Amino acid sequence: MQAEKEPYKLAPGDRIRVIVFENTDLSGEFDVDPEGYIAFPLIGSIQAEGKSLVEVEHEIAQGLEDNGYIRKASVNVSVLEYRPFFILGEVRRPGSFPYQSGLSVYKAVALAGGFTYRAVDDEVLIAHDASTQQVKARMTDPVLPGDTIVVEERFF
């Protein structure tokens, strides 16, 4: 039996679309700010960081219902833009890049212009999102939004 995949958790840098059915004035696009909140009309700031899309949907619907704005709110939240990933070390163009679904270490290195001639080209170090712990990763391993990839220098 295959393990269930962990739902995506929002973090600063993500951009989401919120649709409140039959209430287009409340629907829109929102950025998760550096503190992890979105500013939603009528109900104010909502903590989004660390929450799944379903949890944010529920919190918005509950806020609209509890404040008497909508009797039975139906809300949908989707990710428009994921937070970027970062790559540094022995690549031609280190920096921040937009996350793309299905991104592997190989593809991330390609987006950064490829390896320099000094690079270790069979494995990298990755720190997942807010973690400061780096783990070794193969070139086929997935990259997630917010990850930091370090391509090390080889020693001759």
N, C-alpha and C. Protein backbone atom coordinates (compact mmCIF):
# COMPACT_ATOMS: atom_id res chain seq x y z
N MET A 1 0.84 -1.18 0.00
CA MET A 1 0.00 0.00 0.00
C MET A 1 0.88 1.25 0.00
N GLN A 2 0.59 2.20 -0.86
CA GLN A 2 1.39 3.41 -1.00
C GLN A 2 1.04 4.40 0.11
N ALA A 3 2.07 5.02 0.68
CA ALA A 3 1.85 6.02 1.73
C ALA A 3 1.15 7.24 1.14
N GLU A 4 0.28 7.84 1.96
CA GLU A 4 -0.44 9.01 1.49
C GLU A 4 0.50 10.20 1.44
N LYS A 5 0.39 10.99 0.39
CA LYS A 5 1.25 12.14 0.20
C LYS A 5 0.82 13.27 1.14
N GLU A 6 1.79 13.91 1.75
CA GLU A 6 1.54 15.03 2.65
C GLU A 6 0.97 16.20 1.85
N PRO A 7 -0.12 16.83 2.32
CA PRO A 7 -0.67 17.96 1.57
C PRO A 7 0.30 19.14 1.58
N TYR A 8 0.26 19.92 0.52
CA TYR A 8 1.12 21.08 0.39
C TYR A 8 0.81 22.08 1.50
N LYS A 9 1.84 22.60 2.13
CA LYS A 9 1.69 23.60 3.20
C LYS A 9 2.13 24.97 2.67
N LEU A 10 1.30 25.95 2.88
CA LEU A 10 1.59 27.30 2.43
C LEU A 10 2.70 27.94 3.27
N ALA A 11 3.39 28.91 2.66
CA ALA A 11 4.46 29.64 3.33
C ALA A 11 4.62 31.00 2.65
N PRO A 12 5.33 31.93 3.29
CA PRO A 12 5.58 33.22 2.66
C PRO A 12 6.17 33.06 1.26
N GLY A 13 5.68 33.87 0.34
CA GLY A 13 6.13 33.79 -1.05
C GLY A 13 5.14 33.09 -1.95
N ASP A 14 4.20 32.33 -1.38
CA ASP A 14 3.17 31.68 -2.19
C ASP A 14 2.10 32.70 -2.56
N ARG A 15 1.50 32.51 -3.71
CA ARG A 15 0.38 33.35 -4.17
C ARG A 15 -0.79 32.41 -4.41
N ILE A 16 -1.94 32.72 -3.80
CA ILE A 16 -3.10 31.86 -3.89
C ILE A 16 -4.29 32.57 -4.52
N ARG A 17 -5.21 31.76 -5.05
CA ARG A 17 -6.49 32.26 -5.55
C ARG A 17 -7.57 31.73 -4.62
N VAL A 18 -8.42 32.63 -4.14
CA VAL A 18 -9.54 32.25 -3.29
C VAL A 18 -10.82 32.56 -4.05
N ILE A 19 -11.67 31.55 -4.17
CA ILE A 19 -12.97 31.73 -4.80
C ILE A 19 -14.04 31.47 -3.75
N VAL A 20 -14.86 32.49 -3.51
CA VAL A 20 -16.02 32.34 -2.63
C VAL A 20 -17.21 32.26 -3.57
N PHE A 21 -17.79 31.07 -3.69
CA PHE A 21 -18.85 30.84 -4.66
C PHE A 21 -20.03 31.76 -4.42
N GLU A 22 -20.52 32.33 -5.53
CA GLU A 22 -21.64 33.28 -5.56
C GLU A 22 -21.33 34.58 -4.84
N ASN A 23 -20.04 34.88 -4.64
CA ASN A 23 -19.61 36.13 -4.01
C ASN A 23 -18.31 36.59 -4.66
N THR A 24 -18.41 37.05 -5.91
CA THR A 24 -17.22 37.43 -6.66
C THR A 24 -16.48 38.60 -6.02
N ASP A 25 -17.18 39.45 -5.24
CA ASP A 25 -16.51 40.58 -4.60
C ASP A 25 -15.50 40.12 -3.55
N LEU A 26 -15.69 38.93 -3.01
CA LEU A 26 -14.78 38.40 -2.00
C LEU A 26 -13.69 37.52 -2.60
N SER A 27 -13.87 37.12 -3.84
CA SER A 27 -12.89 36.25 -4.51
C SER A 27 -11.71 37.09 -4.99
N GLY A 28 -10.54 36.48 -5.08
CA GLY A 28 -9.38 37.20 -5.58
C GLY A 28 -8.09 36.45 -5.39
N GLU A 29 -7.00 37.14 -5.68
CA GLU A 29 -5.66 36.58 -5.55
C GLU A 29 -4.98 37.24 -4.35
N PHE A 30 -4.27 36.42 -3.57
CA PHE A 30 -3.67 36.90 -2.34
C PHE A 30 -2.26 36.34 -2.19
N ASP A 31 -1.36 37.18 -1.68
CA ASP A 31 0.00 36.75 -1.40
C ASP A 31 0.11 36.39 0.08
N VAL A 32 0.85 35.32 0.36
CA VAL A 32 1.17 35.01 1.75
C VAL A 32 2.33 35.93 2.11
N ASP A 33 2.08 36.84 3.08
CA ASP A 33 3.09 37.86 3.40
C ASP A 33 4.26 37.26 4.19
N PRO A 34 5.32 38.05 4.41
CA PRO A 34 6.51 37.52 5.11
C PRO A 34 6.23 36.95 6.50
N GLU A 35 5.15 37.38 7.13
CA GLU A 35 4.78 36.84 8.45
C GLU A 35 3.88 35.61 8.34
N GLY A 36 3.50 35.23 7.12
CA GLY A 36 2.70 34.02 6.92
C GLY A 36 1.20 34.24 6.89
N TYR A 37 0.76 35.48 6.72
CA TYR A 37 -0.67 35.80 6.71
C TYR A 37 -1.15 36.22 5.33
N ILE A 38 -2.47 36.08 5.12
CA ILE A 38 -3.12 36.73 3.98
C ILE A 38 -4.14 37.70 4.56
N ALA A 39 -4.32 38.82 3.88
CA ALA A 39 -5.31 39.82 4.31
C ALA A 39 -6.58 39.57 3.49
N PHE A 40 -7.61 39.05 4.16
CA PHE A 40 -8.85 38.69 3.46
C PHE A 40 -9.94 39.70 3.77
N PRO A 41 -10.70 40.14 2.74
CA PRO A 41 -11.75 41.13 2.96
C PRO A 41 -12.76 40.68 4.02
N LEU A 42 -13.21 41.61 4.81
CA LEU A 42 -14.23 41.45 5.85
C LEU A 42 -13.76 40.71 7.09
N ILE A 43 -12.88 39.73 6.96
CA ILE A 43 -12.48 38.98 8.16
C ILE A 43 -11.04 39.26 8.58
N GLY A 44 -10.29 40.01 7.79
CA GLY A 44 -8.95 40.43 8.20
C GLY A 44 -7.86 39.42 7.93
N SER A 45 -6.82 39.46 8.76
CA SER A 45 -5.65 38.61 8.56
C SER A 45 -5.94 37.16 8.95
N ILE A 46 -5.50 36.27 8.09
CA ILE A 46 -5.66 34.83 8.32
C ILE A 46 -4.28 34.20 8.27
N GLN A 47 -3.95 33.44 9.30
CA GLN A 47 -2.68 32.71 9.32
C GLN A 47 -2.73 31.63 8.25
N ALA A 48 -1.83 31.70 7.27
CA ALA A 48 -1.79 30.71 6.19
C ALA A 48 -0.55 29.83 6.28
N GLU A 49 0.51 30.36 6.83
CA GLU A 49 1.78 29.62 6.88
C GLU A 49 1.60 28.31 7.65
N GLY A 50 2.08 27.23 7.03
CA GLY A 50 2.02 25.92 7.66
C GLY A 50 0.69 25.22 7.52
N LYS A 51 -0.26 25.86 6.84
CA LYS A 51 -1.59 25.26 6.67
C LYS A 51 -1.76 24.75 5.25
N SER A 52 -2.59 23.71 5.12
CA SER A 52 -2.92 23.18 3.80
C SER A 52 -3.98 24.07 3.16
N LEU A 53 -4.22 23.86 1.88
CA LEU A 53 -5.25 24.62 1.17
C LEU A 53 -6.62 24.37 1.79
N VAL A 54 -6.90 23.13 2.15
CA VAL A 54 -8.19 22.77 2.75
C VAL A 54 -8.37 23.49 4.10
N GLU A 55 -7.30 23.58 4.88
CA GLU A 55 -7.40 24.27 6.17
C GLU A 55 -7.69 25.75 5.99
N VAL A 56 -7.07 26.39 4.99
CA VAL A 56 -7.32 27.81 4.72
C VAL A 56 -8.74 28.00 4.20
N GLU A 57 -9.21 27.10 3.33
CA GLU A 57 -10.60 27.16 2.87
C GLU A 57 -11.56 27.14 4.05
N HIS A 58 -11.34 26.21 4.96
CA HIS A 58 -12.21 26.07 6.12
C HIS A 58 -12.18 27.33 7.00
N GLU A 59 -10.98 27.88 7.22
CA GLU A 59 -10.86 29.07 8.07
C GLU A 59 -11.56 30.28 7.45
N ILE A 60 -11.44 30.45 6.14
CA ILE A 60 -12.13 31.56 5.47
C ILE A 60 -13.64 31.37 5.56
N ALA A 61 -14.12 30.17 5.24
CA ALA A 61 -15.56 29.89 5.28
C ALA A 61 -16.09 30.12 6.70
N GLN A 62 -15.37 29.62 7.69
CA GLN A 62 -15.79 29.77 9.09
C GLN A 62 -15.84 31.24 9.49
N GLY A 63 -14.83 32.01 9.07
CA GLY A 63 -14.80 33.44 9.37
C GLY A 63 -15.96 34.20 8.75
N LEU A 64 -16.30 33.86 7.52
CA LEU A 64 -17.42 34.52 6.84
C LEU A 64 -18.75 34.15 7.51
N GLU A 65 -18.87 32.90 7.92
CA GLU A 65 -20.11 32.45 8.59
C GLU A 65 -20.21 33.01 10.00
N ASP A 66 -19.14 32.94 10.77
CA ASP A 66 -19.16 33.40 12.17
C ASP A 66 -19.45 34.89 12.29
N ASN A 67 -19.00 35.68 11.31
CA ASN A 67 -19.23 37.12 11.33
C ASN A 67 -20.55 37.52 10.67
N GLY A 68 -21.33 36.53 10.23
CA GLY A 68 -22.65 36.80 9.68
C GLY A 68 -22.68 37.34 8.26
N TYR A 69 -21.60 37.21 7.53
CA TYR A 69 -21.56 37.71 6.15
C TYR A 69 -22.22 36.74 5.18
N ILE A 70 -22.02 35.46 5.37
CA ILE A 70 -22.58 34.43 4.50
C ILE A 70 -23.07 33.29 5.38
N ARG A 71 -24.25 32.76 5.08
CA ARG A 71 -24.80 31.68 5.91
C ARG A 71 -24.00 30.39 5.78
N LYS A 72 -23.87 29.90 4.57
CA LYS A 72 -23.11 28.67 4.32
C LYS A 72 -22.11 28.97 3.22
N ALA A 73 -20.91 29.38 3.63
CA ALA A 73 -19.89 29.78 2.66
C ALA A 73 -19.26 28.56 2.00
N SER A 74 -19.11 28.64 0.69
CA SER A 74 -18.41 27.61 -0.07
C SER A 74 -17.16 28.26 -0.66
N VAL A 75 -16.00 27.81 -0.22
CA VAL A 75 -14.74 28.46 -0.56
C VAL A 75 -13.79 27.45 -1.20
N ASN A 76 -13.07 27.90 -2.22
CA ASN A 76 -12.04 27.09 -2.86
C ASN A 76 -10.75 27.89 -2.87
N VAL A 77 -9.64 27.25 -2.49
CA VAL A 77 -8.32 27.89 -2.50
C VAL A 77 -7.39 27.06 -3.36
N SER A 78 -6.66 27.72 -4.26
CA SER A 78 -5.68 27.03 -5.09
C SER A 78 -4.40 27.87 -5.16
N VAL A 79 -3.29 27.21 -5.43
CA VAL A 79 -2.00 27.90 -5.53
C VAL A 79 -1.83 28.41 -6.95
N LEU A 80 -1.59 29.71 -7.09
CA LEU A 80 -1.30 30.31 -8.39
C LEU A 80 0.19 30.26 -8.68
N GLU A 81 0.98 30.66 -7.70
CA GLU A 81 2.44 30.66 -7.84
C GLU A 81 3.05 30.14 -6.54
N TYR A 82 3.93 29.16 -6.69
CA TYR A 82 4.64 28.63 -5.53
C TYR A 82 5.80 29.55 -5.19
N ARG A 83 6.23 29.51 -3.94
CA ARG A 83 7.40 30.28 -3.54
C ARG A 83 8.61 29.75 -4.32
N PRO A 84 9.61 30.60 -4.54
CA PRO A 84 10.76 30.18 -5.35
C PRO A 84 11.65 29.18 -4.62
N PHE A 85 12.53 28.55 -5.38
CA PHE A 85 13.59 27.74 -4.79
C PHE A 85 14.89 28.49 -5.05
N PHE A 86 15.93 28.11 -4.34
CA PHE A 86 17.22 28.80 -4.43
C PHE A 86 18.31 27.79 -4.74
N ILE A 87 19.26 28.23 -5.55
CA ILE A 87 20.39 27.35 -5.86
C ILE A 87 21.66 28.18 -5.80
N LEU A 88 22.66 27.65 -5.12
CA LEU A 88 23.92 28.37 -5.00
C LEU A 88 25.09 27.41 -5.05
N GLY A 89 26.25 27.98 -5.12
CA GLY A 89 27.46 27.16 -5.23
C GLY A 89 27.94 27.12 -6.67
N GLU A 90 28.37 25.95 -7.09
CA GLU A 90 29.05 25.79 -8.38
C GLU A 90 28.08 25.60 -9.56
N VAL A 91 27.26 26.64 -9.79
CA VAL A 91 26.41 26.72 -10.98
C VAL A 91 26.70 28.06 -11.65
N ARG A 92 26.37 28.17 -12.90
CA ARG A 92 26.71 29.38 -13.66
C ARG A 92 25.93 30.63 -13.22
N ARG A 93 24.65 30.45 -12.84
CA ARG A 93 23.82 31.59 -12.43
C ARG A 93 23.10 31.26 -11.11
N PRO A 94 23.82 31.32 -9.99
CA PRO A 94 23.16 31.05 -8.72
C PRO A 94 22.08 32.10 -8.44
N GLY A 95 21.08 31.72 -7.68
CA GLY A 95 20.04 32.68 -7.33
C GLY A 95 18.71 32.03 -7.02
N SER A 96 17.68 32.83 -7.14
CA SER A 96 16.31 32.44 -6.86
C SER A 96 15.59 32.19 -8.18
N PHE A 97 14.80 31.10 -8.25
CA PHE A 97 14.10 30.76 -9.48
C PHE A 97 12.66 30.37 -9.16
N PRO A 98 11.72 30.66 -10.06
CA PRO A 98 10.33 30.25 -9.83
C PRO A 98 10.23 28.73 -9.80
N TYR A 99 9.47 28.23 -8.85
CA TYR A 99 9.25 26.79 -8.75
C TYR A 99 8.36 26.32 -9.89
N GLN A 100 8.66 25.16 -10.42
CA GLN A 100 7.85 24.52 -11.47
C GLN A 100 7.47 23.13 -10.98
N SER A 101 6.26 22.74 -11.21
CA SER A 101 5.80 21.42 -10.80
C SER A 101 6.67 20.34 -11.42
N GLY A 102 7.00 19.32 -10.65
CA GLY A 102 7.81 18.21 -11.15
C GLY A 102 9.29 18.51 -11.24
N LEU A 103 9.75 19.52 -10.53
CA LEU A 103 11.15 19.94 -10.61
C LEU A 103 12.07 18.93 -9.93
N SER A 104 13.13 18.55 -10.63
CA SER A 104 14.16 17.68 -10.06
C SER A 104 15.44 18.51 -9.90
N VAL A 105 16.41 17.94 -9.23
CA VAL A 105 17.69 18.63 -9.06
C VAL A 105 18.32 18.91 -10.43
N TYR A 106 18.27 17.94 -11.35
CA TYR A 106 18.80 18.15 -12.71
C TYR A 106 18.17 19.39 -13.37
N LYS A 107 16.86 19.47 -13.30
CA LYS A 107 16.16 20.60 -13.92
C LYS A 107 16.50 21.92 -13.23
N ALA A 108 16.65 21.89 -11.90
CA ALA A 108 17.02 23.09 -11.17
C ALA A 108 18.40 23.59 -11.59
N VAL A 109 19.35 22.65 -11.75
CA VAL A 109 20.70 23.02 -12.20
C VAL A 109 20.64 23.59 -13.61
N ALA A 110 19.81 23.02 -14.46
CA ALA A 110 19.67 23.53 -15.83
C ALA A 110 19.13 24.96 -15.82
N LEU A 111 18.15 25.24 -14.96
CA LEU A 111 17.62 26.60 -14.86
C LEU A 111 18.70 27.58 -14.42
N ALA A 112 19.65 27.11 -13.63
CA ALA A 112 20.74 27.95 -13.13
C ALA A 112 21.93 27.98 -14.10
N GLY A 113 21.73 27.52 -15.33
CA GLY A 113 22.78 27.61 -16.35
C GLY A 113 23.74 26.45 -16.39
N GLY A 114 23.53 25.43 -15.60
CA GLY A 114 24.40 24.27 -15.59
C GLY A 114 25.52 24.39 -14.57
N PHE A 115 26.30 23.32 -14.47
CA PHE A 115 27.41 23.28 -13.53
C PHE A 115 28.59 24.10 -14.02
N THR A 116 29.40 24.58 -13.09
CA THR A 116 30.71 25.12 -13.45
C THR A 116 31.66 23.93 -13.59
N TYR A 117 32.84 24.14 -14.08
CA TYR A 117 33.77 23.03 -14.28
C TYR A 117 34.27 22.46 -12.95
N ARG A 118 34.09 23.20 -11.84
CA ARG A 118 34.57 22.75 -10.53
C ARG A 118 33.50 22.00 -9.73
N ALA A 119 32.31 21.84 -10.27
CA ALA A 119 31.18 21.31 -9.51
C ALA A 119 31.24 19.81 -9.29
N VAL A 120 30.77 19.38 -8.13
CA VAL A 120 30.46 17.98 -7.89
C VAL A 120 29.15 17.77 -8.64
N ASP A 121 29.15 16.90 -9.65
CA ASP A 121 27.99 16.83 -10.54
C ASP A 121 27.13 15.58 -10.38
N ASP A 122 27.31 14.84 -9.28
CA ASP A 122 26.46 13.66 -9.10
C ASP A 122 25.58 13.72 -7.86
N GLU A 123 25.82 14.69 -6.98
CA GLU A 123 24.95 14.89 -5.83
C GLU A 123 25.07 16.33 -5.35
N VAL A 124 24.06 16.78 -4.62
CA VAL A 124 24.03 18.14 -4.08
C VAL A 124 23.57 18.06 -2.63
N LEU A 125 23.57 19.20 -1.98
CA LEU A 125 22.97 19.31 -0.65
C LEU A 125 21.68 20.11 -0.78
N ILE A 126 20.64 19.68 -0.08
CA ILE A 126 19.37 20.41 -0.11
C ILE A 126 18.93 20.68 1.32
N ALA A 127 18.53 21.92 1.57
CA ALA A 127 17.86 22.28 2.82
C ALA A 127 16.40 22.53 2.44
N HIS A 128 15.51 21.71 2.98
CA HIS A 128 14.10 21.83 2.63
C HIS A 128 13.45 23.01 3.34
N ASP A 129 12.93 23.92 2.54
CA ASP A 129 12.18 25.10 2.99
C ASP A 129 12.84 25.79 4.17
N ALA A 130 12.21 25.82 5.33
CA ALA A 130 12.71 26.59 6.47
C ALA A 130 13.79 25.85 7.27
N SER A 131 14.09 24.62 6.91
CA SER A 131 15.07 23.83 7.65
C SER A 131 16.49 24.34 7.40
N THR A 132 17.29 24.29 8.42
CA THR A 132 18.70 24.66 8.25
C THR A 132 19.56 23.42 8.05
N GLN A 133 18.96 22.25 8.22
CA GLN A 133 19.70 20.99 8.03
C GLN A 133 19.77 20.64 6.55
N GLN A 134 20.99 20.42 6.07
CA GLN A 134 21.19 20.04 4.67
C GLN A 134 21.31 18.53 4.58
N VAL A 135 20.67 17.96 3.55
CA VAL A 135 20.76 16.52 3.31
C VAL A 135 21.30 16.30 1.90
N LYS A 136 22.01 15.19 1.70
CA LYS A 136 22.52 14.87 0.37
C LYS A 136 21.36 14.42 -0.51
N ALA A 137 21.41 14.83 -1.78
CA ALA A 137 20.37 14.46 -2.73
C ALA A 137 21.01 14.08 -4.05
N ARG A 138 20.38 13.11 -4.72
CA ARG A 138 20.81 12.70 -6.06
C ARG A 138 20.23 13.67 -7.08
N MET A 139 20.72 13.59 -8.28
CA MET A 139 20.29 14.51 -9.34
C MET A 139 18.83 14.28 -9.75
N THR A 140 18.30 13.10 -9.50
CA THR A 140 16.92 12.79 -9.88
C THR A 140 15.93 13.08 -8.76
N ASP A 141 16.42 13.48 -7.59
CA ASP A 141 15.53 13.75 -6.46
C ASP A 141 14.68 15.00 -6.72
N PRO A 142 13.49 15.05 -6.13
CA PRO A 142 12.62 16.21 -6.35
C PRO A 142 13.08 17.44 -5.57
N VAL A 143 12.76 18.59 -6.11
CA VAL A 143 12.97 19.88 -5.45
C VAL A 143 11.58 20.41 -5.13
N LEU A 144 11.43 20.97 -3.94
CA LEU A 144 10.15 21.49 -3.49
C LEU A 144 10.21 23.01 -3.38
N PRO A 145 9.05 23.68 -3.38
CA PRO A 145 9.06 25.13 -3.20
C PRO A 145 9.78 25.53 -1.92
N GLY A 146 10.61 26.55 -2.01
CA GLY A 146 11.34 27.04 -0.85
C GLY A 146 12.65 26.33 -0.55
N ASP A 147 12.95 25.25 -1.28
CA ASP A 147 14.20 24.52 -1.04
C ASP A 147 15.41 25.37 -1.42
N THR A 148 16.51 25.10 -0.73
CA THR A 148 17.80 25.70 -1.08
C THR A 148 18.75 24.57 -1.46
N ILE A 149 19.27 24.65 -2.68
CA ILE A 149 20.19 23.64 -3.21
C ILE A 149 21.59 24.22 -3.20
N VAL A 150 22.54 23.43 -2.71
CA VAL A 150 23.94 23.84 -2.71
C VAL A 150 24.72 22.84 -3.55
N VAL A 151 25.37 23.37 -4.61
CA VAL A 151 26.22 22.54 -5.45
C VAL A 151 27.64 22.78 -4.97
N GLU A 152 28.25 21.71 -4.46
CA GLU A 152 29.58 21.84 -3.85
C GLU A 152 30.68 21.81 -4.90
N GLU A 153 31.85 22.30 -4.47
CA GLU A 153 33.05 22.29 -5.30
C GLU A 153 33.77 20.97 -5.09
N ARG A 154 34.24 20.37 -6.19
CA ARG A 154 34.98 19.12 -6.04
C ARG A 154 36.45 19.43 -5.76
N PHE A 155 37.07 18.50 -5.10
CA PHE A 155 38.48 18.64 -4.77
C PHE A 155 39.27 17.69 -5.65
N PHE A 156 40.25 18.19 -6.32
CA PHE A 156 41.02 17.42 -7.30
C PHE A 156 41.98 16.49 -6.67
